Amino acid sequence: MNAAEYRAAAERLLAKDRDRYQAITPYDFRKAEILAQLAVSAATSEARTSQPTDA
């Protein structure tokens, strides 16, 4: 997955939880937090690999 996909997954998870319970459960919040952290890591990795290297 890339950064955008991780972020979208986190947003879907939180939106689904709000629709069902009107409150975010700690378990789903933690899953969304992990997905957000993965999105940041993926974005950092993508930025590093997309930059031209000086040889």
Protein backbone atom coordinates (compact mmCIF):
# COMPACT_ATOMS: atom_id res chain seq x y z
CA MET A 1 0.00 0.00 0.00
CA ASN A 2 1.11 3.55 -0.54
CA ALA A 3 0.59 6.55 1.74
CA ALA A 4 -2.73 7.57 0.18
CA GLU A 5 -4.15 4.06 0.54
CA TYR A 6 -3.16 3.85 4.21
CA ARG A 7 -4.74 7.24 4.89
CA ALA A 8 -7.92 6.30 3.06
CA ALA A 9 -8.16 3.06 5.05
CA ALA A 10 -7.83 4.97 8.33
CA GLU A 11 -10.50 7.47 7.27
CA ARG A 12 -12.90 4.69 6.21
CA LEU A 13 -12.40 2.88 9.50
CA LEU A 14 -13.20 5.95 11.59
CA ALA A 15 -16.14 6.99 9.42
CA LYS A 16 -17.64 3.48 9.62
CA ASP A 17 -17.26 3.43 13.39
CA ARG A 18 -18.97 6.82 13.82
CA ASP A 19 -21.88 5.70 11.67
CA ARG A 20 -22.42 2.58 13.78
CA TYR A 21 -21.83 3.82 17.32
CA GLN A 22 -21.69 7.63 17.20
CA ALA A 23 -18.39 7.24 19.08
CA ILE A 24 -15.05 5.82 18.09
CA THR A 25 -14.16 2.66 19.99
CA PRO A 26 -10.64 2.46 21.44
CA TYR A 27 -9.91 -0.64 19.35
CA ASP A 28 -10.86 1.02 16.05
CA PHE A 29 -9.11 4.23 17.05
CA ARG A 30 -5.91 2.25 17.61
CA LYS A 31 -6.24 0.55 14.22
CA ALA A 32 -6.73 3.93 12.56
CA GLU A 33 -3.73 5.31 14.45
CA ILE A 34 -1.56 2.47 13.16
CA LEU A 35 -2.79 3.05 9.61
CA ALA A 36 -1.97 6.76 9.94
CA GLN A 37 1.55 5.92 11.15
CA LEU A 38 1.99 3.58 8.19
CA ALA A 39 0.80 6.37 5.87
CA VAL A 40 3.48 8.70 7.22
CA SER A 41 6.15 6.04 6.86
CA ALA A 42 5.04 5.24 3.33
CA ALA A 43 4.97 8.91 2.36
CA THR A 44 8.49 9.39 3.72
CA SER A 45 9.70 6.35 1.83
CA GLU A 46 8.00 7.49 -1.37
CA ALA A 47 9.56 10.94 -1.04
CA ARG A 48 13.03 9.47 -0.58
CA THR A 49 12.76 7.17 -3.58
CA SER A 50 11.28 9.82 -5.88
CA GLN A 51 14.06 12.36 -5.32
CA PRO A 52 16.82 12.36 -7.97
CA THR A 53 20.17 11.24 -6.67
CA ASP A 54 23.29 13.31 -7.15
CA ALA A 55 25.98 11.08 -8.58
